[in-house]
Amino acid sequence: MKKIINNPNAFVDEVLDGILAAHPTMLKAVSDDRRAIARADAPIKGHVGIVTGGGSGHLPLFLGYVGYGLCTAVAVGNVFSSPSAEQILAATRASHGGAGVLFLYGNYGGDVMNFDLAGELAADAIETDTVVGIDDVASAPPERSSDRRGVAGLFFAYKCAGAAAESGAPLKDVAATARSAAANTRSMGVGLSPTILPAAGKPTFELAPNEMEIGIGIHGERGGRRGQLESADRIAADLTEKIAADFPLARGDAVAVLVNGLGATPLEELYVVYRHARKILDGMGVAVRRTYVGEFATSLEMAGASLSIMRLDDDLTKLLQAPARSPFFRE
């Protein structure tokens, strides 16, 4: 696999250098190693800070959601690796405007451990709370939903919690908003080809040219079913029906829908997936209030897509509609 890189070991730092150079009015480094990055106007006095973080290789997740109406800061790990507790602590200190800090990130073991440690290190000076994204329905059954991975559906939690923080809500309310968004979001993905880690130079898994994997994770984690490549409509139906059954969705429900590209899937194909998913939801009597199609959580050059659905109430709908700006997203 050909890549436009220099030294693979410098890949993440050079990505961050490029992003900071491209967006100096929106982002700033807040640690000596430049692995903790915050909004240029952080901290926001009197407002709750929101800190996220995770491994590189998933842009715009996690770094892409640092901005107005979104997250306040991010800690950036190596490719598919957790950031350190020290990096998370630097992001936390840079985000604290006197009203506490919410940790909001995906449910992965290394991230949980290091965010917990950073919270302990900050505890004397900064009140923190934690919400983890657990939207990937393929990663655990409903009775173990707390074990599920956080994937592209994290976007909805960022958007809703960020809007609540921007309004001046206290930490307990911002955390409750994030929990509500996370609890009402389900995602599922399909992989068509593997990703190549820059430092390794080889695929993270193998798929034959005519194969797909339903339920794949954003690091190449095994899904629930591997088989022959199916049509876009069959894939969309599989993802939509499994997500709808997991809620379960019912006639009269309102939802937001996100179709996400994993890094190498043309936007045109994502709209083909959305077309059939929308047809199924309309047929169920489920009202689609908000739609997002594009790349929201990638896996380097993995081909494939994921579908995320968030069940809405009036409060979540208003928060999704609130203004938001980052180098990678604008509402």
Protein backbone atom coordinates (compact mmCIF):
# COMPACT_ATOMS: atom_id res chain seq x y z
CA MET A 1 0.00 0.00 0.00
CA LYS A 2 1.38 3.38 -1.03
CA LYS A 3 1.22 6.20 1.52
CA ILE A 4 2.16 9.88 1.42
CA ILE A 5 4.32 9.90 4.56
CA ASN A 6 7.86 10.62 5.70
CA ASN A 7 9.28 8.69 8.66
CA PRO A 8 6.42 6.45 9.88
CA ASN A 9 7.44 7.12 13.49
CA ALA A 10 6.91 10.85 12.95
CA PHE A 11 3.54 10.44 11.25
CA VAL A 12 1.26 11.56 14.09
CA ASP A 13 3.38 14.54 15.10
CA GLU A 14 3.60 15.73 11.49
CA VAL A 15 -0.19 15.40 11.12
CA LEU A 16 -0.64 17.56 14.22
CA ASP A 17 1.92 20.10 12.98
CA GLY A 18 -0.04 20.39 9.74
CA ILE A 19 -3.40 20.79 11.47
CA LEU A 20 -2.11 23.41 13.89
CA ALA A 21 -0.43 25.33 11.06
CA ALA A 22 -3.60 25.21 8.96
CA HIS A 23 -6.00 26.32 11.71
CA PRO A 24 -4.14 28.69 14.07
CA THR A 25 -7.24 30.80 14.84
CA MET A 26 -9.24 27.74 15.93
CA LEU A 27 -6.75 25.41 17.66
CA LYS A 28 -3.68 25.62 19.89
CA ALA A 29 -1.27 23.14 21.44
CA VAL A 30 -1.42 23.08 25.25
CA SER A 31 1.37 20.61 26.05
CA ASP A 32 5.07 20.62 25.27
CA ASP A 33 4.75 17.53 23.06
CA ARG A 34 1.79 19.13 21.20
CA ARG A 35 -0.31 16.01 21.84
CA ALA A 36 -2.86 17.99 23.88
CA ILE A 37 -4.75 20.46 21.69
CA ALA A 38 -7.49 22.89 22.70
CA ARG A 39 -9.80 25.48 21.23
CA ALA A 40 -7.88 28.68 20.63
CA ASP A 41 -10.13 30.50 23.12
CA ALA A 42 -9.89 27.88 25.89
CA PRO A 43 -10.56 27.90 28.75
CA ILE A 44 -14.03 29.40 28.58
CA LYS A 45 -14.57 31.16 31.91
CA GLY A 46 -17.59 29.87 33.82
CA HIS A 47 -18.32 27.12 31.29
CA VAL A 48 -17.87 23.37 31.55
CA GLY A 49 -14.91 22.07 29.58
CA ILE A 50 -15.23 18.90 27.52
CA VAL A 51 -12.14 16.76 26.95
CA THR A 52 -12.01 13.88 24.53
CA GLY A 53 -9.17 11.76 23.25
CA GLY A 54 -8.04 8.55 21.64
CA GLY A 55 -5.70 7.10 19.10
CA SER A 56 -4.81 8.77 15.82
CA GLY A 57 -5.97 7.35 12.52
CA HIS A 58 -9.65 8.24 12.89
CA LEU A 59 -9.94 11.85 11.70
CA PRO A 60 -12.17 13.70 12.18
CA LEU A 61 -12.67 11.63 15.36
CA PHE A 62 -11.41 12.78 17.95
CA LEU A 63 -9.44 15.92 17.16
CA GLY A 64 -11.93 17.09 14.57
CA TYR A 65 -14.58 17.82 17.19
CA VAL A 66 -12.63 20.44 19.14
CA GLY A 67 -14.32 23.78 18.61
CA TYR A 68 -17.25 26.03 19.39
CA GLY A 69 -20.31 24.05 20.48
CA LEU A 70 -18.29 20.83 20.59
CA CYS A 71 -15.31 19.71 22.70
CA THR A 72 -12.87 22.05 24.42
CA ALA A 73 -9.71 19.96 24.11
CA VAL A 74 -8.35 16.59 22.99
CA ALA A 75 -5.49 14.29 23.95
CA VAL A 76 -3.97 12.57 20.92
CA GLY A 77 -2.37 9.12 21.04
CA ASN A 78 -0.31 7.30 18.45
CA VAL A 79 -2.13 5.46 15.67
CA PHE A 80 -4.81 3.26 17.26
CA SER A 81 -3.17 3.81 20.68
CA SER A 82 -4.46 5.60 23.76
CA PRO A 83 -3.10 9.00 24.80
CA SER A 84 -1.21 9.07 28.08
CA ALA A 85 -2.67 10.25 31.37
CA GLU A 86 -0.25 13.19 31.27
CA GLN A 87 -1.55 14.28 27.87
CA ILE A 88 -5.14 13.98 29.08
CA LEU A 89 -4.28 15.97 32.21
CA ALA A 90 -2.77 18.76 30.09
CA ALA A 91 -5.96 18.90 28.02
CA THR A 92 -8.03 18.93 31.22
CA ARG A 93 -6.13 21.83 32.77
CA ALA A 94 -6.40 23.80 29.52
CA SER A 95 -10.18 23.23 29.44
CA HIS A 96 -11.03 24.17 33.02
CA GLY A 97 -12.84 27.49 33.15
CA GLY A 98 -13.96 27.07 36.74
CA ALA A 99 -17.08 24.93 36.14
CA GLY A 100 -15.48 21.49 35.90
CA VAL A 101 -14.59 19.20 33.02
CA LEU A 102 -16.46 16.36 31.34
CA PHE A 103 -14.45 13.45 29.92
CA LEU A 104 -16.22 12.18 26.80
CA TYR A 105 -14.58 9.43 24.74
CA GLY A 106 -14.99 5.92 23.32
CA ASN A 107 -15.15 2.77 25.43
CA TYR A 108 -11.68 1.27 24.92
CA GLY A 109 -9.63 -0.23 27.76
CA GLY A 110 -6.51 1.93 27.46
CA ASP A 111 -8.54 5.12 27.13
CA VAL A 112 -10.67 4.27 30.17
CA MET A 113 -7.60 3.53 32.28
CA ASN A 114 -5.73 6.71 31.32
CA PHE A 115 -8.74 9.03 31.57
CA ASP A 116 -9.49 7.61 35.02
CA LEU A 117 -5.89 8.24 36.07
CA ALA A 118 -5.97 11.79 34.69
CA GLY A 119 -9.17 12.43 36.65
CA GLU A 120 -7.46 11.27 39.83
CA LEU A 121 -4.47 13.52 39.14
CA ALA A 122 -6.75 16.51 38.57
CA ALA A 123 -9.12 15.81 41.44
CA ASP A 124 -7.62 18.29 43.95
CA ALA A 125 -8.16 21.24 41.62
CA ILE A 126 -10.75 20.25 39.00
CA GLU A 127 -14.09 18.48 39.32
CA THR A 128 -14.55 15.93 36.54
CA ASP A 129 -17.24 13.57 35.33
CA THR A 130 -17.05 10.85 32.66
CA VAL A 131 -19.30 9.59 29.89
CA VAL A 132 -18.17 6.93 27.41
CA GLY A 133 -19.62 6.21 23.99
CA ILE A 134 -21.03 2.67 23.73
CA ASP A 135 -22.90 2.79 20.42
CA ASP A 136 -21.47 -0.19 18.49
CA VAL A 137 -24.23 -2.80 18.66
CA ALA A 138 -22.03 -5.47 17.04
CA SER A 139 -19.47 -5.44 19.85
CA ALA A 140 -21.69 -6.80 22.66
CA PRO A 141 -25.32 -7.94 23.11
CA PRO A 142 -27.93 -5.66 24.70
CA GLU A 143 -27.55 -7.21 28.14
CA ARG A 144 -23.88 -6.17 28.07
CA SER A 145 -24.35 -2.81 26.37
CA SER A 146 -21.92 -1.15 28.81
CA ASP A 147 -19.14 -3.25 27.21
CA ARG A 148 -19.80 -1.92 23.72
CA ARG A 149 -17.25 0.09 21.74
CA GLY A 150 -17.69 3.77 20.99
CA VAL A 151 -17.61 4.52 17.25
CA ALA A 152 -19.06 7.18 14.93
CA GLY A 153 -22.10 7.72 17.16
CA LEU A 154 -19.80 9.64 19.50
CA PHE A 155 -20.43 12.57 17.17
CA PHE A 156 -23.96 12.90 18.54
CA ALA A 157 -22.71 12.99 22.13
CA TYR A 158 -20.11 15.64 21.24
CA LYS A 159 -22.72 17.75 19.49
CA CYS A 160 -25.34 17.60 22.25
CA ALA A 161 -22.96 17.91 25.22
CA GLY A 162 -21.05 20.70 23.46
CA ALA A 163 -24.25 22.67 22.92
CA ALA A 164 -25.20 22.23 26.57
CA ALA A 165 -21.76 23.42 27.73
CA GLU A 166 -21.89 26.39 25.36
CA SER A 167 -25.21 27.44 26.92
CA GLY A 168 -23.58 27.65 30.36
CA ALA A 169 -25.18 24.52 31.83
CA PRO A 170 -23.49 23.11 34.96
CA LEU A 171 -21.35 19.97 34.86
CA LYS A 172 -24.08 17.63 36.12
CA ASP A 173 -26.42 18.78 33.32
CA VAL A 174 -23.76 18.59 30.60
CA ALA A 175 -22.90 15.07 31.76
CA ALA A 176 -26.59 14.11 31.83
CA THR A 177 -26.98 15.40 28.28
CA ALA A 178 -23.99 13.37 27.10
CA ARG A 179 -25.38 10.26 28.82
CA SER A 180 -28.76 10.75 27.21
CA ALA A 181 -27.20 11.14 23.76
CA ALA A 182 -25.00 8.08 24.27
CA ALA A 183 -27.85 5.95 25.62
CA ASN A 184 -30.03 6.84 22.65
CA THR A 185 -27.43 6.11 19.94
CA ARG A 186 -26.72 2.86 18.11
CA SER A 187 -24.16 2.18 15.35
CA MET A 188 -23.04 -0.68 13.15
CA GLY A 189 -20.45 -0.88 10.38
CA VAL A 190 -19.37 -2.92 7.38
CA GLY A 191 -15.76 -3.32 6.26
CA LEU A 192 -14.69 -3.99 2.67
CA SER A 193 -10.92 -3.73 2.91
CA PRO A 194 -8.30 -3.45 5.68
CA THR A 195 -6.32 -0.49 6.93
CA ILE A 196 -2.52 -0.22 6.86
CA LEU A 197 -0.72 1.08 9.94
CA PRO A 198 2.02 3.54 8.86
CA ALA A 199 4.65 2.02 11.15
CA ALA A 200 3.80 -1.60 10.25
CA GLY A 201 3.26 -1.23 6.53
CA LYS A 202 0.95 -4.23 6.34
CA PRO A 203 -2.81 -4.85 6.62
CA THR A 204 -4.36 -5.12 10.08
CA PHE A 205 -6.58 -7.96 8.81
CA GLU A 206 -7.33 -9.85 5.60
CA LEU A 207 -10.45 -9.75 3.44
CA ALA A 208 -10.73 -11.40 0.04
CA PRO A 209 -11.65 -9.09 -2.87
CA ASN A 210 -15.22 -10.42 -2.92
CA GLU A 211 -15.72 -10.44 0.86
CA MET A 212 -17.19 -8.02 3.41
CA GLU A 213 -17.43 -8.07 7.19
CA ILE A 214 -20.58 -6.87 8.94
CA GLY A 215 -20.05 -5.43 12.41
CA ILE A 216 -16.36 -4.57 12.00
CA GLY A 217 -14.77 -2.15 14.49
CA ILE A 218 -12.83 1.00 13.64
CA HIS A 219 -9.53 -0.72 14.46
CA GLY A 220 -10.35 -3.75 12.37
CA GLU A 221 -11.92 -5.70 15.25
CA ARG A 222 -13.79 -8.76 14.03
CA GLY A 223 -17.46 -8.28 13.31
CA GLY A 224 -20.39 -10.62 13.65
CA ARG A 225 -20.46 -11.99 10.11
CA ARG A 226 -18.04 -12.35 7.21
CA GLY A 227 -19.26 -13.36 3.78
CA GLN A 228 -19.70 -12.53 0.12
CA LEU A 229 -20.03 -8.87 -0.81
CA GLU A 230 -23.70 -7.90 -1.00
CA SER A 231 -25.56 -5.06 -2.69
CA ALA A 232 -25.76 -1.62 -1.09
CA ASP A 233 -29.46 -2.17 -0.35
CA ARG A 234 -28.80 -5.49 1.39
CA ILE A 235 -26.02 -3.93 3.48
CA ALA A 236 -28.16 -0.91 4.37
CA ALA A 237 -31.05 -3.17 5.35
CA ASP A 238 -28.85 -5.36 7.53
CA LEU A 239 -27.39 -2.39 9.40
CA THR A 240 -30.68 -0.53 9.76
CA GLU A 241 -32.74 -3.51 10.88
CA LYS A 242 -30.22 -4.64 13.49
CA ILE A 243 -29.97 -1.12 14.92
CA ALA A 244 -33.74 -0.61 14.90
CA ALA A 245 -34.27 -3.92 16.73
CA ASP A 246 -31.69 -3.04 19.39
CA PHE A 247 -33.58 0.05 20.60
CA PRO A 248 -36.24 -1.10 19.55
CA LEU A 249 -37.52 1.73 17.34
CA ALA A 250 -41.28 2.11 17.02
CA ARG A 251 -43.74 3.97 14.82
CA GLY A 252 -43.83 7.61 15.86
CA ASP A 253 -40.21 7.76 17.02
CA ALA A 254 -38.00 10.57 15.71
CA VAL A 255 -34.33 10.01 14.91
CA ALA A 256 -31.14 11.53 13.57
CA VAL A 257 -29.25 9.41 11.02
CA LEU A 258 -25.52 9.45 10.30
CA VAL A 259 -23.92 7.50 7.43
CA ASN A 260 -20.16 7.48 7.94
CA GLY A 261 -17.34 6.60 5.55
CA LEU A 262 -14.45 4.66 7.06
CA GLY A 263 -11.77 6.37 4.98
CA ALA A 264 -11.77 5.01 1.43
CA THR A 265 -15.44 4.92 0.47
CA PRO A 266 -16.72 7.46 -2.07
CA LEU A 267 -19.33 9.89 -0.83
CA GLU A 268 -21.63 8.74 -3.62
CA GLU A 269 -21.73 5.24 -2.12
CA LEU A 270 -22.59 6.63 1.31
CA TYR A 271 -25.64 8.35 -0.18
CA VAL A 272 -26.71 5.06 -1.78
CA VAL A 273 -26.61 3.50 1.69
CA TYR A 274 -28.55 6.42 3.17
CA ARG A 275 -31.17 6.14 0.42
CA HIS A 276 -32.19 2.63 1.44
CA ALA A 277 -31.80 3.15 5.19
CA ARG A 278 -34.14 6.14 4.91
CA LYS A 279 -36.63 4.07 2.89
CA ILE A 280 -36.71 1.44 5.65
CA LEU A 281 -37.16 4.02 8.43
CA ASP A 282 -39.93 5.78 6.50
CA GLY A 283 -41.66 2.43 6.07
CA MET A 284 -41.45 1.83 9.83
CA GLY A 285 -43.12 5.18 10.54
CA VAL A 286 -39.92 6.56 12.09
CA ALA A 287 -39.39 10.27 11.37
CA VAL A 288 -35.88 11.32 10.32
CA ARG A 289 -35.33 14.83 11.73
CA ARG A 290 -31.60 15.27 11.09
CA THR A 291 -29.29 13.69 8.51
CA TYR A 292 -25.49 13.58 8.34
CA VAL A 293 -23.58 11.89 5.50
CA GLY A 294 -19.78 11.97 5.18
CA GLU A 295 -16.65 11.01 7.09
CA PHE A 296 -17.12 11.38 10.84
CA ALA A 297 -14.97 8.53 12.23
CA THR A 298 -12.51 6.90 9.86
CA SER A 299 -9.92 4.16 10.06
CA LEU A 300 -7.10 5.47 7.85
CA GLU A 301 -7.78 3.98 4.39
CA MET A 302 -10.25 1.25 5.37
CA ALA A 303 -13.05 0.84 2.84
CA GLY A 304 -16.53 0.52 4.26
CA ALA A 305 -19.21 2.47 6.05
CA SER A 306 -21.14 2.64 9.27
CA LEU A 307 -24.66 3.68 10.15
CA SER A 308 -25.53 5.51 13.37
CA ILE A 309 -29.05 6.31 14.55
CA MET A 310 -29.90 8.49 17.54
CA ARG A 311 -33.45 8.42 18.92
CA LEU A 312 -34.53 12.00 19.58
CA ASP A 313 -36.62 13.84 22.10
CA ASP A 314 -37.31 17.59 22.02
CA ASP A 315 -34.22 18.44 24.09
CA LEU A 316 -31.78 16.39 21.99
CA THR A 317 -33.29 17.79 18.79
CA LYS A 318 -32.69 21.38 19.95
CA LEU A 319 -29.12 20.58 20.97
CA LEU A 320 -28.36 19.00 17.58
CA GLN A 321 -29.64 22.15 15.89
CA ALA A 322 -27.38 24.47 17.94
CA PRO A 323 -24.46 26.17 16.16
CA ALA A 324 -21.09 24.42 16.14
CA ARG A 325 -17.74 25.09 14.46
CA SER A 326 -14.47 23.23 14.16
CA PRO A 327 -11.90 22.83 11.39
CA PHE A 328 -13.76 19.65 10.36
CA PHE A 329 -17.41 20.39 11.10
CA ARG A 330 -19.82 23.31 10.88
CA GLU A 331 -23.52 23.34 11.83
